[in-house]
Amino acid sequence: IRLAAGVKRVHFHIMVDFGKDPDNAEFHFGFFKLNGEPKITVPAVSAAARHLEGARFLGRLKLNDYYHVWYWQTPWQPNAVLATVWVDAQRVPNPQSVALPGRAILCEDIFGGAPSQSKVSVQAAQTVVQPGPDPVFLYMPKDSLPQLSELPPEIRPNLVSRALESF
């Protein structure tokens, strides 16, 4: 979300957990457990970084506020645009599927694997996605790019701060 809003880079400094108390959340922010075992965060961050590195936000499909279908130009698939699809599952417990124009060229889930057919399927000239709380990455043909909208101002902190500075 912040990448689309104009943030250039995010640094995460806690690589390894630093405490053993299971009830103290402050001890468990690392990517790795104390014994060096990677947490589920590692493949998720890796997949997101792999797809979004060098990406330029193109816009979003204007759907219900809690559905997110965002398009990106990336250097990784020159004849395609990247669509990221997810839903705020706390606000939408039973999400409806989302149909994207075009047949996906490549699909990957947040953990680097292929999404199941119940998650992503191709039907006629559309790719149908069952969104969940974790994004799915779909490379779609450039010529299937739908009409896109900008991000709403409330999730574009650089615009809010510039507006406040002008007062």
Protein backbone atom coordinates (compact mmCIF):
# COMPACT_ATOMS: atom_id res chain seq x y z
CA ILE A 1 0.00 0.00 0.00
CA ARG A 2 2.74 2.44 0.90
CA LEU A 3 4.70 1.63 -2.25
CA ALA A 4 1.67 2.68 -4.30
CA ALA A 5 1.36 5.80 -2.15
CA GLY A 6 4.87 6.92 -3.07
CA VAL A 7 7.08 5.44 -0.35
CA LYS A 8 10.34 4.50 -2.06
CA ARG A 9 11.79 2.02 0.42
CA VAL A 10 10.97 0.26 3.67
CA HIS A 11 13.66 -1.08 6.00
CA PHE A 12 12.98 -3.81 8.51
CA HIS A 13 15.66 -4.13 11.18
CA ILE A 14 14.54 -7.01 13.42
CA MET A 15 15.72 -10.15 11.68
CA VAL A 16 15.67 -12.56 14.65
CA ASP A 17 13.32 -12.77 17.62
CA PHE A 18 15.03 -11.67 20.81
CA GLY A 19 13.09 -13.26 23.64
CA LYS A 20 11.55 -16.54 24.72
CA ASP A 21 8.39 -15.39 26.52
CA PRO A 22 5.53 -16.58 24.25
CA ASP A 23 3.12 -14.08 25.84
CA ASN A 24 5.29 -11.05 25.08
CA ALA A 25 4.64 -9.98 21.49
CA GLU A 26 7.59 -7.57 21.64
CA PHE A 27 9.95 -10.58 21.59
CA HIS A 28 8.56 -12.02 18.36
CA PHE A 29 8.87 -9.38 15.62
CA GLY A 30 11.77 -11.04 13.76
CA PHE A 31 11.71 -12.85 10.45
CA PHE A 32 13.44 -15.79 12.14
CA LYS A 33 12.85 -17.63 15.40
CA LEU A 34 15.61 -17.70 18.03
CA ASN A 35 16.75 -21.11 16.75
CA GLY A 36 17.24 -19.66 13.24
CA GLU A 37 14.14 -21.27 11.77
CA PRO A 38 12.45 -18.94 9.24
CA LYS A 39 8.92 -17.81 9.96
CA ILE A 40 6.16 -17.73 7.36
CA THR A 41 7.05 -14.05 6.90
CA VAL A 42 10.20 -14.93 4.95
CA PRO A 43 8.56 -16.39 1.82
CA ALA A 44 5.79 -13.77 1.98
CA VAL A 45 8.21 -10.83 2.04
CA SER A 46 10.36 -12.54 -0.59
CA ALA A 47 7.43 -12.99 -2.98
CA ALA A 48 6.18 -9.43 -2.49
CA ALA A 49 9.68 -8.00 -2.97
CA ARG A 50 10.30 -10.13 -6.06
CA HIS A 51 7.14 -8.93 -7.78
CA LEU A 52 7.11 -5.31 -6.61
CA GLU A 53 10.80 -4.40 -6.88
CA GLY A 54 11.04 -1.63 -9.43
CA ALA A 55 7.25 -1.52 -9.79
CA ARG A 56 5.38 1.65 -10.68
CA PHE A 57 1.79 1.97 -9.47
CA LEU A 58 -0.64 2.41 -12.37
CA GLY A 59 -3.94 2.58 -10.49
CA ARG A 60 -6.66 0.48 -8.93
CA LEU A 61 -9.99 -0.93 -9.94
CA LYS A 62 -12.66 1.03 -8.14
CA LEU A 63 -14.57 -1.61 -6.22
CA ASN A 64 -15.98 -1.78 -2.71
CA ASP A 65 -13.57 -0.01 -0.30
CA TYR A 66 -12.43 -3.31 1.18
CA TYR A 67 -11.55 -5.02 -2.10
CA HIS A 68 -8.12 -4.20 -3.51
CA VAL A 69 -7.22 -4.78 -7.15
CA TRP A 70 -4.13 -2.74 -7.92
CA TYR A 71 -2.17 -2.64 -11.17
CA TRP A 72 1.58 -2.11 -11.54
CA GLN A 73 4.11 -1.77 -14.33
CA THR A 74 7.10 -3.96 -13.52
CA PRO A 75 10.33 -4.81 -15.33
CA TRP A 76 9.76 -8.57 -14.84
CA GLN A 77 7.21 -9.27 -17.56
CA PRO A 78 7.67 -6.72 -20.36
CA ASN A 79 4.42 -7.58 -22.20
CA ALA A 80 2.29 -7.65 -19.07
CA VAL A 81 1.07 -5.59 -16.14
CA LEU A 82 0.99 -6.93 -12.60
CA ALA A 83 -2.35 -7.07 -10.78
CA THR A 84 -2.31 -7.57 -7.01
CA VAL A 85 -5.63 -8.74 -5.58
CA TRP A 86 -6.68 -9.02 -1.93
CA VAL A 87 -9.54 -8.16 0.41
CA ASP A 88 -9.79 -6.84 3.97
CA ALA A 89 -11.06 -10.14 5.38
CA GLN A 90 -11.94 -8.59 8.75
CA ARG A 91 -14.47 -6.32 7.06
CA VAL A 92 -15.54 -8.76 4.34
CA PRO A 93 -15.76 -12.23 5.91
CA ASN A 94 -17.29 -13.86 2.78
CA PRO A 95 -15.80 -12.05 -0.22
CA GLN A 96 -17.25 -12.36 -3.70
CA SER A 97 -15.00 -13.31 -6.60
CA VAL A 98 -13.49 -10.59 -8.79
CA ALA A 99 -13.30 -10.94 -12.58
CA LEU A 100 -10.32 -9.31 -14.28
CA PRO A 101 -10.35 -8.71 -18.04
CA GLY A 102 -7.87 -10.94 -19.87
CA ARG A 103 -6.28 -14.32 -19.29
CA ALA A 104 -3.52 -14.31 -16.66
CA ILE A 105 -0.08 -15.08 -18.06
CA LEU A 106 1.41 -16.00 -14.68
CA CYS A 107 -0.07 -16.28 -11.17
CA GLU A 108 1.62 -16.61 -7.79
CA ASP A 109 0.38 -16.51 -4.22
CA ILE A 110 2.08 -14.58 -1.40
CA PHE A 111 4.20 -17.61 -0.49
CA GLY A 112 5.67 -18.06 -3.97
CA GLY A 113 3.45 -20.93 -5.09
CA ALA A 114 0.74 -21.37 -7.66
CA PRO A 115 -2.72 -20.45 -6.33
CA SER A 116 -5.31 -23.22 -6.32
CA GLN A 117 -8.02 -23.30 -8.99
CA SER A 118 -10.53 -22.32 -6.32
CA LYS A 119 -8.45 -19.15 -5.81
CA VAL A 120 -7.68 -18.25 -9.46
CA SER A 121 -9.34 -19.61 -12.58
CA VAL A 122 -9.63 -18.58 -16.20
CA GLN A 123 -13.16 -18.41 -17.59
CA ALA A 124 -13.58 -17.35 -21.21
CA ALA A 125 -11.62 -14.10 -21.63
CA GLN A 126 -11.46 -13.32 -17.90
CA THR A 127 -9.37 -14.31 -14.91
CA VAL A 128 -11.56 -14.89 -11.87
CA VAL A 129 -9.96 -14.39 -8.45
CA GLN A 130 -11.41 -15.36 -5.08
CA PRO A 131 -9.71 -12.68 -2.96
CA GLY A 132 -8.47 -13.33 0.54
CA PRO A 133 -6.39 -11.45 3.10
CA ASP A 134 -3.11 -12.37 1.36
CA PRO A 135 -2.43 -10.81 -2.04
CA VAL A 136 -2.28 -12.84 -5.21
CA PHE A 137 0.10 -11.64 -7.93
CA LEU A 138 -1.23 -11.95 -11.51
CA TYR A 139 0.60 -10.90 -14.65
CA MET A 140 -2.07 -9.82 -17.12
CA PRO A 141 -1.69 -8.88 -20.82
CA LYS A 142 -1.06 -5.15 -21.24
CA ASP A 143 -3.95 -4.89 -23.68
CA SER A 144 -6.38 -6.10 -21.00
CA LEU A 145 -5.71 -3.16 -18.67
CA PRO A 146 -9.10 -1.87 -17.41
CA GLN A 147 -10.08 1.71 -16.52
CA LEU A 148 -8.15 2.54 -13.34
CA SER A 149 -8.59 5.04 -10.49
CA GLU A 150 -6.03 6.73 -8.26
CA LEU A 151 -5.56 5.80 -4.63
CA PRO A 152 -7.92 7.60 -2.27
CA PRO A 153 -6.22 10.54 -0.46
CA GLU A 154 -6.59 8.90 2.96
CA ILE A 155 -4.03 6.24 2.02
CA ARG A 156 -1.65 8.61 0.27
CA PRO A 157 0.28 10.10 3.20
CA ASN A 158 2.52 12.22 0.99
CA LEU A 159 -0.52 14.10 -0.34
CA VAL A 160 -1.95 14.62 3.16
CA SER A 161 1.34 15.96 4.52
CA ARG A 162 1.74 18.32 1.53
CA ALA A 163 -1.81 19.59 2.08
CA LEU A 164 -1.11 20.22 5.76
CA GLU A 165 2.10 22.09 4.94
CA SER A 166 0.19 24.51 2.74
CA PHE A 167 -1.90 25.83 5.66
